[in-house]
Protein backbone atom coordinates (compact mmCIF):
# COMPACT_ATOMS: atom_id res chain seq x y z
CA PRO A 1 -10.75 -25.05 26.68
CA ARG A 2 -8.40 -24.16 29.76
CA LEU A 3 -8.57 -20.42 28.63
CA HIS A 4 -12.11 -20.69 29.04
CA GLU A 5 -11.74 -21.79 32.59
CA LEU A 6 -9.17 -19.40 33.32
CA LEU A 7 -11.81 -16.52 33.03
CA PHE A 8 -13.09 -17.49 36.11
CA ASP A 9 -9.93 -17.61 38.06
CA GLY A 10 -9.69 -15.66 41.31
CA ASN A 11 -6.90 -13.43 40.02
CA ALA A 12 -7.67 -10.57 37.74
CA ALA A 13 -4.59 -10.69 35.96
CA VAL A 14 -4.95 -14.03 35.05
CA ARG A 15 -8.54 -13.42 33.82
CA LYS A 16 -7.13 -10.39 31.60
CA ALA A 17 -4.56 -12.73 30.06
CA ALA A 18 -7.13 -15.49 29.31
CA ALA A 19 -9.19 -12.87 27.60
CA ASP A 20 -6.14 -11.84 25.87
CA GLY A 21 -5.54 -15.53 24.40
CA ILE A 22 -8.82 -15.83 23.55
CA GLY A 23 -8.63 -12.85 21.59
CA GLU A 24 -5.85 -13.98 19.64
CA ARG A 25 -7.16 -17.50 18.83
CA ALA A 26 -10.46 -15.41 17.87
CA GLN A 27 -12.85 -18.69 17.72
CA ALA A 28 -16.72 -18.40 17.64
CA GLU A 29 -16.89 -21.05 20.27
CA SER A 30 -15.71 -18.70 22.49
CA VAL A 31 -18.45 -15.94 21.94
CA GLU A 32 -20.84 -17.53 24.88
CA THR A 33 -18.30 -17.88 27.64
CA LEU A 34 -16.85 -14.48 26.85
CA GLU A 35 -20.32 -12.89 27.30
CA ARG A 36 -20.78 -14.74 30.79
CA VAL A 37 -17.87 -12.53 32.02
CA LEU A 38 -18.78 -9.29 30.61
CA ARG A 39 -19.61 -8.23 34.41
CA ASP A 40 -16.30 -8.86 35.56
CA PRO A 41 -15.54 -6.40 38.59
CA ASP A 42 -12.24 -5.27 36.59
CA ARG A 43 -12.72 -3.11 34.17
CA GLU A 44 -9.23 -3.98 32.36
CA VAL A 45 -10.84 -7.54 32.35
CA ARG A 46 -13.70 -6.28 30.99
CA LEU A 47 -12.19 -4.81 28.29
CA ALA A 48 -9.98 -7.72 27.09
CA VAL A 49 -13.11 -9.54 27.03
CA VAL A 50 -14.75 -6.81 24.84
CA ARG A 51 -11.36 -6.77 22.81
CA ALA A 52 -11.49 -10.43 22.40
CA LEU A 53 -15.03 -10.47 21.04
CA SER A 54 -13.97 -7.75 18.73
CA ARG A 55 -11.40 -9.91 17.04
CA ILE A 56 -13.62 -12.90 16.36
CA ARG A 57 -14.83 -12.28 13.03
CA ASP A 58 -18.15 -14.14 12.77
CA ARG A 59 -21.78 -13.51 12.91
CA ALA A 60 -22.09 -15.19 16.45
CA VAL A 61 -20.71 -11.81 18.31
CA ILE A 62 -23.53 -9.45 16.71
CA GLY A 63 -26.25 -10.35 19.70
CA VAL A 64 -23.72 -9.36 22.36
CA ALA A 65 -22.07 -6.62 20.68
CA SER A 66 -25.32 -4.84 19.64
CA PHE A 67 -25.77 -4.71 23.38
CA LEU A 68 -22.65 -3.56 24.51
CA VAL A 69 -22.70 -0.51 21.88
CA TYR A 70 -24.76 1.57 24.88
CA ASP A 71 -22.51 0.74 27.63
CA ASN A 72 -21.26 3.55 29.46
CA ASP A 73 -17.91 2.73 29.06
CA PRO A 74 -16.80 4.50 26.17
CA GLU A 75 -13.78 1.91 25.17
CA VAL A 76 -16.24 -0.90 25.65
CA LYS A 77 -18.41 0.70 23.33
CA ARG A 78 -15.69 1.17 20.85
CA HIS A 79 -14.61 -2.20 20.98
CA ALA A 80 -18.26 -3.40 20.43
CA ILE A 81 -18.88 -1.24 17.52
CA LEU A 82 -15.58 -2.70 16.03
CA ALA A 83 -16.71 -6.26 16.81
CA LEU A 84 -20.19 -5.61 14.68
CA CYS A 85 -17.73 -4.04 11.93
CA ASN A 86 -15.50 -6.97 11.88
CA ALA A 87 -18.61 -9.74 12.07
CA ASN A 88 -19.15 -8.41 8.03
CA HIS A 89 -22.94 -9.66 8.19
CA GLU A 90 -25.93 -7.90 7.12
CA ASP A 91 -27.37 -8.71 10.88
CA ALA A 92 -25.02 -6.01 12.19
CA LEU A 93 -26.57 -3.26 10.00
CA THR A 94 -29.48 -1.85 11.97
CA VAL A 95 -26.94 -1.06 14.90
CA LEU A 96 -24.08 -0.10 12.38
CA ARG A 97 -26.10 2.68 10.70
CA LEU A 98 -26.96 3.97 14.20
CA GLN A 99 -23.08 4.28 14.63
CA ALA A 100 -22.23 5.79 11.70
CA GLN A 101 -21.55 9.22 13.50
CA ASP A 102 -19.60 8.28 16.32
CA ARG A 103 -16.75 10.65 17.24
CA ASP A 104 -14.06 8.34 17.15
CA PRO A 105 -12.53 8.47 13.88
CA ASP A 106 -11.02 4.77 14.07
CA VAL A 107 -14.78 3.61 14.71
CA ALA A 108 -16.50 5.92 11.94
CA ARG A 109 -13.87 4.77 9.40
CA GLU A 110 -14.56 0.83 10.27
CA VAL A 111 -18.43 1.65 10.11
CA LEU A 112 -18.06 3.31 6.86
CA GLY A 113 -15.94 0.65 5.70
CA ALA A 114 -18.51 -1.67 6.85
CA LEU A 115 -21.39 -0.21 5.20
CA VAL A 116 -19.47 -0.05 1.89
CA GLU A 117 -18.79 -3.55 2.47
CA LEU A 118 -22.52 -4.60 3.00
CA VAL A 119 -24.37 -1.99 1.67
CA PRO A 120 -22.36 0.21 -0.98
CA ASP A 121 -25.81 1.57 -2.66
CA GLN A 122 -26.65 2.87 0.95
CA ALA A 123 -23.07 3.60 1.94
CA ALA A 124 -22.89 7.20 -0.23
CA GLY A 125 -25.59 8.67 2.32
CA PHE A 126 -23.13 8.11 5.36
CA VAL A 127 -20.21 9.73 3.91
CA GLU A 128 -20.87 13.26 4.23
CA SER A 129 -21.70 12.79 8.24
CA ALA A 130 -18.38 10.12 8.44
CA LEU A 131 -16.26 13.53 7.00
CA ALA A 132 -17.16 15.38 10.11
CA VAL A 133 -14.66 13.20 12.20
CA LEU A 134 -12.51 11.22 9.48
CA ARG A 135 -8.84 11.94 8.79
CA PRO A 136 -7.39 12.38 5.60
CA ASP A 137 -5.32 9.09 6.19
CA ASP A 138 -8.61 7.42 6.88
CA LEU A 139 -9.61 8.25 3.20
CA THR A 140 -6.38 6.77 2.13
CA ARG A 141 -6.85 3.62 4.33
CA LEU A 142 -10.37 3.04 2.72
CA THR A 143 -9.07 3.56 -0.76
CA ARG A 144 -6.26 0.98 -0.31
CA ARG A 145 -8.85 -1.62 1.25
CA PHE A 146 -11.29 -1.07 -1.44
CA GLY A 147 -9.48 -0.24 -4.27
CA GLU A 148 -11.98 0.32 -7.38
CA ARG A 149 -14.75 -0.02 -5.35
CA PHE A 150 -14.22 3.04 -3.50
CA VAL A 151 -13.81 5.50 -6.27
CA PRO A 152 -17.28 6.54 -6.50
CA PHE A 153 -17.03 7.40 -2.95
CA LEU A 154 -13.90 9.13 -3.47
CA GLU A 155 -15.88 11.08 -6.37
CA GLN A 156 -18.43 11.95 -3.79
CA VAL A 157 -15.89 13.23 -1.42
CA ALA A 158 -14.21 15.40 -4.28
CA ALA A 159 -17.43 17.31 -3.98
CA SER A 160 -17.55 17.71 -0.52
CA PRO A 161 -17.87 21.33 0.98
CA ARG A 162 -15.01 20.48 3.29
CA SER A 163 -11.73 21.48 1.68
CA TRP A 164 -9.42 18.88 3.56
CA ALA A 165 -11.71 16.14 2.29
CA ARG A 166 -11.80 17.09 -1.77
CA LEU A 167 -7.72 17.31 -1.26
CA ALA A 168 -7.72 14.11 0.40
CA ALA A 169 -9.67 12.43 -1.95
CA ILE A 170 -7.57 13.69 -5.23
CA ASP A 171 -4.53 12.35 -3.02
CA ALA A 172 -5.91 9.25 -2.18
CA VAL A 173 -6.99 8.07 -5.83
CA ARG A 174 -3.57 7.80 -6.81
CA LEU A 175 -3.85 4.30 -5.06
CA VAL A 176 -6.10 3.32 -7.95
CA PRO A 177 -3.90 4.30 -10.93
CA THR A 178 -6.49 2.54 -13.79
CA ARG A 179 -9.06 5.09 -12.50
CA GLU A 180 -6.86 8.06 -11.65
CA HIS A 181 -6.72 9.93 -15.03
CA GLU A 182 -10.44 9.50 -15.45
CA PHE A 183 -11.00 11.10 -11.84
CA LEU A 184 -8.83 14.02 -12.01
CA LYS A 185 -9.89 14.89 -15.94
CA ALA A 186 -13.52 15.23 -14.29
CA VAL A 187 -12.38 17.00 -11.25
CA ALA A 188 -10.83 19.43 -13.09
CA ALA A 189 -13.55 19.94 -15.58
CA THR A 190 -16.90 19.57 -13.20
CA SER A 191 -15.82 20.67 -9.54
CA GLY A 192 -17.16 23.94 -8.30
CA HIS A 193 -14.31 24.38 -5.76
CA ALA A 194 -11.22 25.97 -7.30
CA ASP A 195 -8.69 24.07 -4.84
CA ALA A 196 -9.85 21.07 -6.21
CA ARG A 197 -9.26 21.96 -9.71
CA ALA A 198 -6.11 23.45 -9.04
CA ALA A 199 -5.01 20.18 -7.29
CA ALA A 200 -6.43 17.69 -10.01
CA LEU A 201 -4.36 19.85 -12.74
CA SER A 202 -1.26 19.75 -10.35
CA ARG A 203 -1.35 15.96 -10.28
CA MET A 204 -2.24 15.32 -13.69
CA ARG A 205 0.50 17.43 -14.75
CA ASP A 206 2.73 15.12 -12.43
CA LEU A 207 1.70 12.24 -14.28
CA SER A 208 1.99 13.21 -17.47
CA CYS A 209 3.07 16.65 -19.33
CA ASP A 210 0.52 15.71 -22.00
CA ALA A 211 -2.53 15.12 -19.83
CA GLY A 212 -1.38 17.97 -17.92
CA ARG A 213 -1.03 20.25 -20.99
CA GLU A 214 -4.85 19.42 -22.02
CA ILE A 215 -6.23 20.38 -18.65
CA ALA A 216 -4.15 23.63 -18.29
CA LEU A 217 -5.43 24.74 -21.76
CA ALA A 218 -8.75 24.30 -20.76
CA LEU A 219 -8.40 25.76 -17.14
CA LEU A 220 -6.79 28.76 -18.68
CA ASN A 221 -9.96 30.37 -18.81
CA ASP A 222 -11.43 29.22 -15.31
CA ARG A 223 -13.38 31.23 -13.37
CA ASP A 224 -10.76 31.67 -10.29
CA ALA A 225 -7.66 33.64 -10.94
CA SER A 226 -5.73 31.35 -8.93
CA VAL A 227 -6.56 28.22 -10.88
CA ARG A 228 -5.40 30.38 -14.23
CA ILE A 229 -2.54 31.16 -12.76
CA GLN A 230 -1.40 27.71 -12.19
CA ALA A 231 -2.63 26.85 -15.57
CA ALA A 232 -0.67 29.48 -16.99
CA GLN A 233 2.64 28.38 -14.85
CA ALA A 234 1.75 24.45 -15.88
CA LEU A 235 1.89 25.77 -19.86
CA GLY A 236 5.10 27.07 -19.11
CA GLN A 237 6.44 23.69 -17.62
CA CYS A 238 4.74 21.33 -20.11
CA GLY A 239 4.28 23.59 -23.25
CA SER A 240 4.12 22.38 -26.76
CA ALA A 241 4.30 24.33 -30.05
CA ASP A 242 1.03 25.03 -29.91
CA THR A 243 1.21 26.67 -26.42
CA PRO A 244 2.58 29.94 -26.87
CA GLN A 245 -0.98 31.39 -28.66
CA SER A 246 -2.55 30.57 -25.88
CA LEU A 247 -0.72 32.05 -23.08
CA ARG A 248 -0.70 35.10 -25.45
CA GLY A 249 -4.14 35.49 -25.05
CA ALA A 250 -3.65 35.43 -21.07
CA LEU A 251 -1.57 38.29 -21.47
CA LEU A 252 -4.96 40.10 -21.83
CA ASP A 253 -6.47 38.55 -18.54
CA PRO A 254 -8.16 41.16 -16.09
CA GLU A 255 -5.93 39.87 -13.20
CA GLU A 256 -2.27 41.40 -13.19
CA PRO A 257 -1.04 38.09 -11.40
CA VAL A 258 -2.58 36.10 -14.19
CA ARG A 259 -0.94 38.41 -16.99
CA VAL A 260 2.56 38.21 -14.87
CA ALA A 261 2.61 34.29 -14.67
CA ALA A 262 1.48 34.04 -18.63
CA ALA A 263 4.19 35.98 -19.72
CA ALA A 264 6.68 34.54 -17.39
CA SER A 265 5.66 30.94 -18.96
CA LEU A 266 6.19 32.76 -22.57
CA LEU A 267 9.57 33.88 -21.62
CA ARG A 268 10.28 30.05 -20.45
CA LEU A 269 9.13 28.52 -23.58
CA ASP A 270 11.11 30.93 -26.03
CA LYS A 271 14.21 30.33 -24.13
CA PRO A 272 16.30 28.33 -26.42
CA GLN A 273 17.40 24.76 -24.71
CA ARG A 274 21.15 24.53 -23.99
CA PRO A 275 22.71 21.92 -26.27
CA ALA A 276 23.46 19.07 -23.99
CA PRO A 277 27.59 18.78 -23.48
CA LYS A 278 29.88 16.87 -26.22
CA GLY A 279 32.08 14.20 -24.78
CA LYS A 280 36.10 14.85 -24.63
CA ALA A 281 37.82 13.84 -27.46
CA ARG A 282 40.06 10.80 -26.73
């Protein structure tokens, strides 16, 4: 093909444009030719060639990409790892496992995604190390990509010692509405971290007053005062006929802020509802 011939043109700009064009076509038959020009003296050409390889989602790229992950140029290495991820083949796993702790968050996200896709039963072992570099949005993107398949990993992240990760997992699960209620209820009941229990309660209250009230009643006896305060406030917003009795018990809480929150919610519940305004008679 003409683009393959242009990879050997005397003009570096032409060679780069040819590599970009090959990347757009992303055909496995181009891998062998791209491999021949990886030693191009021009760095921009080399980067264009590796980017082209990363767009060819085929097993054919695994051999050359596995070699390039050890390149001294960090950009070459980055695109080589992405090429292995995009190949989506078990032959890439040996190298990908070694790259799971890459410091580039985009790379770390794609490597974790490749592991979830190819070996979900092993991917859990790489989650915590990936969290060292991942960002909240990365969890959102992975959840959007895998849907329900990623929920077990969100459950793992929700128990992480990293606060940002716990809260990001609770936020990301809203992308899987069929599992969100169950997920939040489990976090509120079992998490060892107060911020996670509080965040689960807050989100559940937003979803449904009935569900929020159920969790708030349980968390009114939470070991952490900040969670008890939020539970008391939630009951003031989503109270029922039985709620005041539980809130009156919270008036005996050893922490004054909890007692204050409970009293404020009781006042709110006791406040008579203003009748809806009547329409003017015609």
